[in-house]
Amino acid sequence: LDELIVATNTADNEVAAIEEKTDE
């Protein structure tokens, strides 16, 4: 999924590492 996010030009690349974020 991260590879698809990074490869998509209009995607927000910060989402690729979102599993590291807090629940909030």
mmCIF file of all heavy atoms, coordinates in Angstrom:
data_MODEL
# 
_entry.id   MODEL 
# 
loop_
_atom_site.group_PDB 
_atom_site.id 
_atom_site.type_symbol 
_atom_site.label_atom_id 
_atom_site.label_alt_id 
_atom_site.label_comp_id 
_atom_site.label_asym_id 
_atom_site.label_entity_id 
_atom_site.label_seq_id 
_atom_site.pdbx_PDB_ins_code 
_atom_site.Cartn_x 
_atom_site.Cartn_y 
_atom_site.Cartn_z 
_atom_site.occupancy 
_atom_site.B_iso_or_equiv 
_atom_site.pdbx_formal_charge 
_atom_site.auth_seq_id 
_atom_site.auth_comp_id 
_atom_site.auth_asym_id 
_atom_site.auth_atom_id 
_atom_site.pdbx_PDB_model_num 
ATOM 1   N N   . LEU A 1 1  ? 0.828  -1.204 0.000   1.00 0.00 ? 1  LEU A N   1 
ATOM 2   C CA  . LEU A 1 1  ? 0.000  0.000  0.000   1.00 0.00 ? 1  LEU A CA  1 
ATOM 3   C C   . LEU A 1 1  ? 0.866  1.259  0.000   1.00 0.00 ? 1  LEU A C   1 
ATOM 4   O O   . LEU A 1 1  ? 0.576  2.229  -0.717  1.00 0.00 ? 1  LEU A O   1 
ATOM 5   C CB  . LEU A 1 1  ? -0.941 0.000  1.201   1.00 0.00 ? 1  LEU A CB  1 
ATOM 6   C CG  . LEU A 1 1  ? -2.045 -1.044 1.171   1.00 0.00 ? 1  LEU A CG  1 
ATOM 7   C CD1 . LEU A 1 1  ? -2.775 -1.070 2.500   1.00 0.00 ? 1  LEU A CD1 1 
ATOM 8   C CD2 . LEU A 1 1  ? -2.994 -0.803 0.027   1.00 0.00 ? 1  LEU A CD2 1 
ATOM 9   N N   . ASP A 1 2  ? 1.944  1.246  0.793   1.00 0.00 ? 2  ASP A N   1 
ATOM 10  C CA  . ASP A 1 2  ? 2.854  2.392  0.828   1.00 0.00 ? 2  ASP A CA  1 
ATOM 11  C C   . ASP A 1 2  ? 3.465  2.644  -0.542  1.00 0.00 ? 2  ASP A C   1 
ATOM 12  O O   . ASP A 1 2  ? 3.597  3.788  -0.981  1.00 0.00 ? 2  ASP A O   1 
ATOM 13  C CB  . ASP A 1 2  ? 3.957  2.187  1.861   1.00 0.00 ? 2  ASP A CB  1 
ATOM 14  C CG  . ASP A 1 2  ? 3.446  2.252  3.296   1.00 0.00 ? 2  ASP A CG  1 
ATOM 15  O OD1 . ASP A 1 2  ? 2.279  2.640  3.500   1.00 0.00 ? 2  ASP A OD1 1 
ATOM 16  O OD2 . ASP A 1 2  ? 4.221  1.906  4.202   1.00 0.00 ? 2  ASP A OD2 1 
ATOM 17  N N   . GLU A 1 3  ? 3.829  1.586  -1.242  1.00 0.00 ? 3  GLU A N   1 
ATOM 18  C CA  . GLU A 1 3  ? 4.400  1.729  -2.583  1.00 0.00 ? 3  GLU A CA  1 
ATOM 19  C C   . GLU A 1 3  ? 3.397  2.377  -3.526  1.00 0.00 ? 3  GLU A C   1 
ATOM 20  O O   . GLU A 1 3  ? 3.752  3.246  -4.316  1.00 0.00 ? 3  GLU A O   1 
ATOM 21  C CB  . GLU A 1 3  ? 4.830  0.359  -3.119  1.00 0.00 ? 3  GLU A CB  1 
ATOM 22  C CG  . GLU A 1 3  ? 5.342  0.378  -4.535  1.00 0.00 ? 3  GLU A CG  1 
ATOM 23  C CD  . GLU A 1 3  ? 6.636  1.157  -4.724  1.00 0.00 ? 3  GLU A CD  1 
ATOM 24  O OE1 . GLU A 1 3  ? 7.371  1.351  -3.743  1.00 0.00 ? 3  GLU A OE1 1 
ATOM 25  O OE2 . GLU A 1 3  ? 6.910  1.571  -5.874  1.00 0.00 ? 3  GLU A OE2 1 
ATOM 26  N N   . LEU A 1 4  ? 2.131  1.976  -3.431  1.00 0.00 ? 4  LEU A N   1 
ATOM 27  C CA  . LEU A 1 4  ? 1.101  2.578  -4.278  1.00 0.00 ? 4  LEU A CA  1 
ATOM 28  C C   . LEU A 1 4  ? 0.907  4.059  -3.949  1.00 0.00 ? 4  LEU A C   1 
ATOM 29  O O   . LEU A 1 4  ? 0.728  4.884  -4.846  1.00 0.00 ? 4  LEU A O   1 
ATOM 30  C CB  . LEU A 1 4  ? -0.219 1.824  -4.120  1.00 0.00 ? 4  LEU A CB  1 
ATOM 31  C CG  . LEU A 1 4  ? -0.244 0.410  -4.699  1.00 0.00 ? 4  LEU A CG  1 
ATOM 32  C CD1 . LEU A 1 4  ? -1.548 -0.278 -4.333  1.00 0.00 ? 4  LEU A CD1 1 
ATOM 33  C CD2 . LEU A 1 4  ? -0.044 0.436  -6.196  1.00 0.00 ? 4  LEU A CD2 1 
ATOM 34  N N   . ILE A 1 5  ? 0.941  4.386  -2.671  1.00 0.00 ? 5  ILE A N   1 
ATOM 35  C CA  . ILE A 1 5  ? 0.789  5.785  -2.267  1.00 0.00 ? 5  ILE A CA  1 
ATOM 36  C C   . ILE A 1 5  ? 1.937  6.621  -2.811  1.00 0.00 ? 5  ILE A C   1 
ATOM 37  O O   . ILE A 1 5  ? 1.728  7.686  -3.385  1.00 0.00 ? 5  ILE A O   1 
ATOM 38  C CB  . ILE A 1 5  ? 0.710  5.904  -0.727  1.00 0.00 ? 5  ILE A CB  1 
ATOM 39  C CG1 . ILE A 1 5  ? -0.593 5.298  -0.214  1.00 0.00 ? 5  ILE A CG1 1 
ATOM 40  C CG2 . ILE A 1 5  ? 0.840  7.363  -0.283  1.00 0.00 ? 5  ILE A CG2 1 
ATOM 41  C CD1 . ILE A 1 5  ? -0.639 5.106  1.296   1.00 0.00 ? 5  ILE A CD1 1 
ATOM 42  N N   . VAL A 1 6  ? 3.141  6.139  -2.635  1.00 0.00 ? 6  VAL A N   1 
ATOM 43  C CA  . VAL A 1 6  ? 4.318  6.883  -3.086  1.00 0.00 ? 6  VAL A CA  1 
ATOM 44  C C   . VAL A 1 6  ? 4.317  7.005  -4.617  1.00 0.00 ? 6  VAL A C   1 
ATOM 45  O O   . VAL A 1 6  ? 4.712  8.037  -5.164  1.00 0.00 ? 6  VAL A O   1 
ATOM 46  C CB  . VAL A 1 6  ? 5.615  6.205  -2.572  1.00 0.00 ? 6  VAL A CB  1 
ATOM 47  C CG1 . VAL A 1 6  ? 6.840  6.809  -3.200  1.00 0.00 ? 6  VAL A CG1 1 
ATOM 48  C CG2 . VAL A 1 6  ? 5.686  6.316  -1.055  1.00 0.00 ? 6  VAL A CG2 1 
ATOM 49  N N   . ALA A 1 7  ? 3.845  5.980  -5.321  1.00 0.00 ? 7  ALA A N   1 
ATOM 50  C CA  . ALA A 1 7  ? 3.866  5.989  -6.785  1.00 0.00 ? 7  ALA A CA  1 
ATOM 51  C C   . ALA A 1 7  ? 2.764  6.859  -7.384  1.00 0.00 ? 7  ALA A C   1 
ATOM 52  O O   . ALA A 1 7  ? 2.864  7.266  -8.535  1.00 0.00 ? 7  ALA A O   1 
ATOM 53  C CB  . ALA A 1 7  ? 3.742  4.565  -7.307  1.00 0.00 ? 7  ALA A CB  1 
ATOM 54  N N   . THR A 1 8  ? 1.733  7.158  -6.601  1.00 0.00 ? 8  THR A N   1 
ATOM 55  C CA  . THR A 1 8  ? 0.625  7.975  -7.101  1.00 0.00 ? 8  THR A CA  1 
ATOM 56  C C   . THR A 1 8  ? 0.960  9.449  -6.921  1.00 0.00 ? 8  THR A C   1 
ATOM 57  O O   . THR A 1 8  ? 1.200  9.909  -5.805  1.00 0.00 ? 8  THR A O   1 
ATOM 58  C CB  . THR A 1 8  ? -0.675 7.633  -6.347  1.00 0.00 ? 8  THR A CB  1 
ATOM 59  O OG1 . THR A 1 8  ? -0.907 6.232  -6.461  1.00 0.00 ? 8  THR A OG1 1 
ATOM 60  C CG2 . THR A 1 8  ? -1.850 8.386  -6.910  1.00 0.00 ? 8  THR A CG2 1 
ATOM 61  N N   . ASN A 1 9  ? 0.949  10.187 -8.018  1.00 0.00 ? 9  ASN A N   1 
ATOM 62  C CA  . ASN A 1 9  ? 1.375  11.594 -7.982  1.00 0.00 ? 9  ASN A CA  1 
ATOM 63  C C   . ASN A 1 9  ? 0.489  12.471 -7.111  1.00 0.00 ? 9  ASN A C   1 
ATOM 64  O O   . ASN A 1 9  ? 0.980  13.386 -6.454  1.00 0.00 ? 9  ASN A O   1 
ATOM 65  C CB  . ASN A 1 9  ? 1.411  12.166 -9.404  1.00 0.00 ? 9  ASN A CB  1 
ATOM 66  C CG  . ASN A 1 9  ? 2.503  11.533 -10.226 1.00 0.00 ? 9  ASN A CG  1 
ATOM 67  O OD1 . ASN A 1 9  ? 3.511  11.069 -9.695  1.00 0.00 ? 9  ASN A OD1 1 
ATOM 68  N ND2 . ASN A 1 9  ? 2.313  11.495 -11.539 1.00 0.00 ? 9  ASN A ND2 1 
ATOM 69  N N   . THR A 1 10 ? -0.804 12.220 -7.083  1.00 0.00 ? 10 THR A N   1 
ATOM 70  C CA  . THR A 1 10 ? -1.707 13.088 -6.328  1.00 0.00 ? 10 THR A CA  1 
ATOM 71  C C   . THR A 1 10 ? -1.896 12.657 -4.876  1.00 0.00 ? 10 THR A C   1 
ATOM 72  O O   . THR A 1 10 ? -2.589 13.329 -4.125  1.00 0.00 ? 10 THR A O   1 
ATOM 73  C CB  . THR A 1 10 ? -3.091 13.138 -7.010  1.00 0.00 ? 10 THR A CB  1 
ATOM 74  O OG1 . THR A 1 10 ? -3.609 11.817 -7.089  1.00 0.00 ? 10 THR A OG1 1 
ATOM 75  C CG2 . THR A 1 10 ? -2.983 13.748 -8.404  1.00 0.00 ? 10 THR A CG2 1 
ATOM 76  N N   . ALA A 1 11 ? -1.273 11.561 -4.491  1.00 0.00 ? 11 ALA A N   1 
ATOM 77  C CA  . ALA A 1 11 ? -1.441 11.062 -3.118  1.00 0.00 ? 11 ALA A CA  1 
ATOM 78  C C   . ALA A 1 11 ? -0.585 11.858 -2.143  1.00 0.00 ? 11 ALA A C   1 
ATOM 79  O O   . ALA A 1 11 ? 0.453  12.411 -2.503  1.00 0.00 ? 11 ALA A O   1 
ATOM 80  C CB  . ALA A 1 11 ? -1.056 9.581  -3.047  1.00 0.00 ? 11 ALA A CB  1 
ATOM 81  N N   . ASP A 1 12 ? -1.046 11.920 -0.907  1.00 0.00 ? 12 ASP A N   1 
ATOM 82  C CA  . ASP A 1 12 ? -0.289 12.551 0.167   1.00 0.00 ? 12 ASP A CA  1 
ATOM 83  C C   . ASP A 1 12 ? 0.698  11.512 0.706   1.00 0.00 ? 12 ASP A C   1 
ATOM 84  O O   . ASP A 1 12 ? 0.311  10.548 1.356   1.00 0.00 ? 12 ASP A O   1 
ATOM 85  C CB  . ASP A 1 12 ? -1.249 13.006 1.267   1.00 0.00 ? 12 ASP A CB  1 
ATOM 86  C CG  . ASP A 1 12 ? -0.549 13.678 2.428   1.00 0.00 ? 12 ASP A CG  1 
ATOM 87  O OD1 . ASP A 1 12 ? 0.697  13.828 2.377   1.00 0.00 ? 12 ASP A OD1 1 
ATOM 88  O OD2 . ASP A 1 12 ? -1.248 14.053 3.387   1.00 0.00 ? 12 ASP A OD2 1 
ATOM 89  N N   . ASN A 1 13 ? 1.986  11.702 0.427   1.00 0.00 ? 13 ASN A N   1 
ATOM 90  C CA  . ASN A 1 13 ? 2.999  10.715 0.799   1.00 0.00 ? 13 ASN A CA  1 
ATOM 91  C C   . ASN A 1 13 ? 3.135  10.537 2.308   1.00 0.00 ? 13 ASN A C   1 
ATOM 92  O O   . ASN A 1 13 ? 3.666  9.531  2.765   1.00 0.00 ? 13 ASN A O   1 
ATOM 93  C CB  . ASN A 1 13 ? 4.353  11.066 0.197   1.00 0.00 ? 13 ASN A CB  1 
ATOM 94  C CG  . ASN A 1 13 ? 4.386  10.779 -1.294  1.00 0.00 ? 13 ASN A CG  1 
ATOM 95  O OD1 . ASN A 1 13 ? 3.510  10.122 -1.831  1.00 0.00 ? 13 ASN A OD1 1 
ATOM 96  N ND2 . ASN A 1 13 ? 5.395  11.276 -1.962  1.00 0.00 ? 13 ASN A ND2 1 
ATOM 97  N N   . GLU A 1 14 ? 2.655  11.482 3.094   1.00 0.00 ? 14 GLU A N   1 
ATOM 98  C CA  . GLU A 1 14 ? 2.707  11.322 4.548   1.00 0.00 ? 14 GLU A CA  1 
ATOM 99  C C   . GLU A 1 14 ? 1.827  10.171 5.013   1.00 0.00 ? 14 GLU A C   1 
ATOM 100 O O   . GLU A 1 14 ? 2.057  9.588  6.070   1.00 0.00 ? 14 GLU A O   1 
ATOM 101 C CB  . GLU A 1 14 ? 2.280  12.623 5.239   1.00 0.00 ? 14 GLU A CB  1 
ATOM 102 C CG  . GLU A 1 14 ? 3.320  13.720 5.116   1.00 0.00 ? 14 GLU A CG  1 
ATOM 103 C CD  . GLU A 1 14 ? 2.913  14.974 5.877   1.00 0.00 ? 14 GLU A CD  1 
ATOM 104 O OE1 . GLU A 1 14 ? 2.148  14.858 6.857   1.00 0.00 ? 14 GLU A OE1 1 
ATOM 105 O OE2 . GLU A 1 14 ? 3.363  16.055 5.489   1.00 0.00 ? 14 GLU A OE2 1 
ATOM 106 N N   . VAL A 1 15 ? 0.830  9.812  4.214   1.00 0.00 ? 15 VAL A N   1 
ATOM 107 C CA  . VAL A 1 15 ? -0.067 8.710  4.560   1.00 0.00 ? 15 VAL A CA  1 
ATOM 108 C C   . VAL A 1 15 ? 0.689  7.385  4.549   1.00 0.00 ? 15 VAL A C   1 
ATOM 109 O O   . VAL A 1 15 ? 0.328  6.447  5.256   1.00 0.00 ? 15 VAL A O   1 
ATOM 110 C CB  . VAL A 1 15 ? -1.276 8.672  3.593   1.00 0.00 ? 15 VAL A CB  1 
ATOM 111 C CG1 . VAL A 1 15 ? -2.152 7.463  3.845   1.00 0.00 ? 15 VAL A CG1 1 
ATOM 112 C CG2 . VAL A 1 15 ? -2.091 9.949  3.721   1.00 0.00 ? 15 VAL A CG2 1 
ATOM 113 N N   . ALA A 1 16 ? 1.774  7.299  3.807   1.00 0.00 ? 16 ALA A N   1 
ATOM 114 C CA  . ALA A 1 16 ? 2.529  6.052  3.708   1.00 0.00 ? 16 ALA A CA  1 
ATOM 115 C C   . ALA A 1 16 ? 3.076  5.607  5.061   1.00 0.00 ? 16 ALA A C   1 
ATOM 116 O O   . ALA A 1 16 ? 3.267  4.420  5.285   1.00 0.00 ? 16 ALA A O   1 
ATOM 117 C CB  . ALA A 1 16 ? 3.670  6.200  2.700   1.00 0.00 ? 16 ALA A CB  1 
ATOM 118 N N   . ALA A 1 17 ? 3.301  6.525  5.970   1.00 0.00 ? 17 ALA A N   1 
ATOM 119 C CA  . ALA A 1 17 ? 3.841  6.176  7.293   1.00 0.00 ? 17 ALA A CA  1 
ATOM 120 C C   . ALA A 1 17 ? 2.828  6.446  8.406   1.00 0.00 ? 17 ALA A C   1 
ATOM 121 O O   . ALA A 1 17 ? 3.189  6.617  9.559   1.00 0.00 ? 17 ALA A O   1 
ATOM 122 C CB  . ALA A 1 17 ? 5.113  6.962  7.547   1.00 0.00 ? 17 ALA A CB  1 
ATOM 123 N N   . ILE A 1 18 ? 1.557  6.440  8.060   1.00 0.00 ? 18 ILE A N   1 
ATOM 124 C CA  . ILE A 1 18 ? 0.525  6.832  9.017   1.00 0.00 ? 18 ILE A CA  1 
ATOM 125 C C   . ILE A 1 18 ? 0.363  5.834  10.168  1.00 0.00 ? 18 ILE A C   1 
ATOM 126 O O   . ILE A 1 18 ? -0.118 6.188  11.243  1.00 0.00 ? 18 ILE A O   1 
ATOM 127 C CB  . ILE A 1 18 ? -0.827 7.064  8.303   1.00 0.00 ? 18 ILE A CB  1 
ATOM 128 C CG1 . ILE A 1 18 ? -1.716 7.946  9.171   1.00 0.00 ? 18 ILE A CG1 1 
ATOM 129 C CG2 . ILE A 1 18 ? -1.481 5.752  7.921   1.00 0.00 ? 18 ILE A CG2 1 
ATOM 130 C CD1 . ILE A 1 18 ? -2.832 8.601  8.437   1.00 0.00 ? 18 ILE A CD1 1 
ATOM 131 N N   . GLU A 1 19 ? 0.798  4.580  9.987   1.00 0.00 ? 19 GLU A N   1 
ATOM 132 C CA  . GLU A 1 19 ? 0.649  3.597  11.061  1.00 0.00 ? 19 GLU A CA  1 
ATOM 133 C C   . GLU A 1 19 ? 1.462  3.960  12.288  1.00 0.00 ? 19 GLU A C   1 
ATOM 134 O O   . GLU A 1 19 ? 1.254  3.411  13.365  1.00 0.00 ? 19 GLU A O   1 
ATOM 135 C CB  . GLU A 1 19 ? 1.006  2.178  10.572  1.00 0.00 ? 19 GLU A CB  1 
ATOM 136 C CG  . GLU A 1 19 ? 2.443  1.982  10.184  1.00 0.00 ? 19 GLU A CG  1 
ATOM 137 C CD  . GLU A 1 19 ? 2.757  2.368  8.746   1.00 0.00 ? 19 GLU A CD  1 
ATOM 138 O OE1 . GLU A 1 19 ? 1.864  2.865  8.034   1.00 0.00 ? 19 GLU A OE1 1 
ATOM 139 O OE2 . GLU A 1 19 ? 3.910  2.179  8.348   1.00 0.00 ? 19 GLU A OE2 1 
ATOM 140 N N   . GLU A 1 20 ? 2.378  4.903  12.152  1.00 0.00 ? 20 GLU A N   1 
ATOM 141 C CA  . GLU A 1 20 ? 3.193  5.347  13.280  1.00 0.00 ? 20 GLU A CA  1 
ATOM 142 C C   . GLU A 1 20 ? 2.510  6.449  14.105  1.00 0.00 ? 20 GLU A C   1 
ATOM 143 O O   . GLU A 1 20 ? 3.006  6.821  15.154  1.00 0.00 ? 20 GLU A O   1 
ATOM 144 C CB  . GLU A 1 20 ? 4.543  5.878  12.773  1.00 0.00 ? 20 GLU A CB  1 
ATOM 145 C CG  . GLU A 1 20 ? 5.337  4.883  11.937  1.00 0.00 ? 20 GLU A CG  1 
ATOM 146 C CD  . GLU A 1 20 ? 5.744  3.641  12.703  1.00 0.00 ? 20 GLU A CD  1 
ATOM 147 O OE1 . GLU A 1 20 ? 6.023  3.755  13.920  1.00 0.00 ? 20 GLU A OE1 1 
ATOM 148 O OE2 . GLU A 1 20 ? 5.763  2.557  12.106  1.00 0.00 ? 20 GLU A OE2 1 
ATOM 149 N N   . LYS A 1 21 ? 1.390  6.944  13.633  1.00 0.00 ? 21 LYS A N   1 
ATOM 150 C CA  . LYS A 1 21 ? 0.691  8.043  14.305  1.00 0.00 ? 21 LYS A CA  1 
ATOM 151 C C   . LYS A 1 21 ? -0.112 7.538  15.504  1.00 0.00 ? 21 LYS A C   1 
ATOM 152 O O   . LYS A 1 21 ? -0.385 6.360  15.645  1.00 0.00 ? 21 LYS A O   1 
ATOM 153 C CB  . LYS A 1 21 ? -0.261 8.745  13.325  1.00 0.00 ? 21 LYS A CB  1 
ATOM 154 C CG  . LYS A 1 21 ? 0.409  9.286  12.075  1.00 0.00 ? 21 LYS A CG  1 
ATOM 155 C CD  . LYS A 1 21 ? 1.266  10.472 12.376  1.00 0.00 ? 21 LYS A CD  1 
ATOM 156 C CE  . LYS A 1 21 ? 1.810  11.050 11.082  1.00 0.00 ? 21 LYS A CE  1 
ATOM 157 N NZ  . LYS A 1 21 ? 2.729  12.123 11.287  1.00 0.00 ? 21 LYS A NZ  1 
ATOM 158 N N   . THR A 1 22 ? -0.508 8.473  16.364  1.00 0.00 ? 22 THR A N   1 
ATOM 159 C CA  . THR A 1 22 ? -1.351 8.142  17.518  1.00 0.00 ? 22 THR A CA  1 
ATOM 160 C C   . THR A 1 22 ? -2.787 7.917  17.047  1.00 0.00 ? 22 THR A C   1 
ATOM 161 O O   . THR A 1 22 ? -3.146 8.271  15.915  1.00 0.00 ? 22 THR A O   1 
ATOM 162 C CB  . THR A 1 22 ? -1.343 9.284  18.545  1.00 0.00 ? 22 THR A CB  1 
ATOM 163 O OG1 . THR A 1 22 ? -1.973 10.433 17.949  1.00 0.00 ? 22 THR A OG1 1 
ATOM 164 C CG2 . THR A 1 22 ? 0.073  9.624  18.993  1.00 0.00 ? 22 THR A CG2 1 
ATOM 165 N N   . ASP A 1 23 ? -3.613 7.360  17.930  1.00 0.00 ? 23 ASP A N   1 
ATOM 166 C CA  . ASP A 1 23 ? -5.018 7.137  17.579  1.00 0.00 ? 23 ASP A CA  1 
ATOM 167 C C   . ASP A 1 23 ? -5.727 8.447  17.247  1.00 0.00 ? 23 ASP A C   1 
ATOM 168 O O   . ASP A 1 23 ? -6.547 8.495  16.327  1.00 0.00 ? 23 ASP A O   1 
ATOM 169 C CB  . ASP A 1 23 ? -5.746 6.420  18.722  1.00 0.00 ? 23 ASP A CB  1 
ATOM 170 C CG  . ASP A 1 23 ? -5.322 4.971  18.869  1.00 0.00 ? 23 ASP A CG  1 
ATOM 171 O OD1 . ASP A 1 23 ? -4.706 4.421  17.928  1.00 0.00 ? 23 ASP A OD1 1 
ATOM 172 O OD2 . ASP A 1 23 ? -5.606 4.377  19.933  1.00 0.00 ? 23 ASP A OD2 1 
ATOM 173 N N   . GLU A 1 24 ? -5.423 9.490  17.986  1.00 0.00 ? 24 GLU A N   1 
ATOM 174 C CA  . GLU A 1 24 ? -6.049 10.789 17.733  1.00 0.00 ? 24 GLU A CA  1 
ATOM 175 C C   . GLU A 1 24 ? -5.644 11.326 16.363  1.00 0.00 ? 24 GLU A C   1 
ATOM 176 O O   . GLU A 1 24 ? -6.477 11.855 15.612  1.00 0.00 ? 24 GLU A O   1 
ATOM 177 C CB  . GLU A 1 24 ? -5.662 11.800 18.825  1.00 0.00 ? 24 GLU A CB  1 
ATOM 178 C CG  . GLU A 1 24 ? -6.227 11.481 20.192  1.00 0.00 ? 24 GLU A CG  1 
ATOM 179 C CD  . GLU A 1 24 ? -5.428 10.408 20.948  1.00 0.00 ? 24 GLU A CD  1 
ATOM 180 O OE1 . GLU A 1 24 ? -4.251 10.151 20.611  1.00 0.00 ? 24 GLU A OE1 1 
ATOM 181 O OE2 . GLU A 1 24 ? -6.007 9.810  21.864  1.00 0.00 ? 24 GLU A OE2 1 
# 
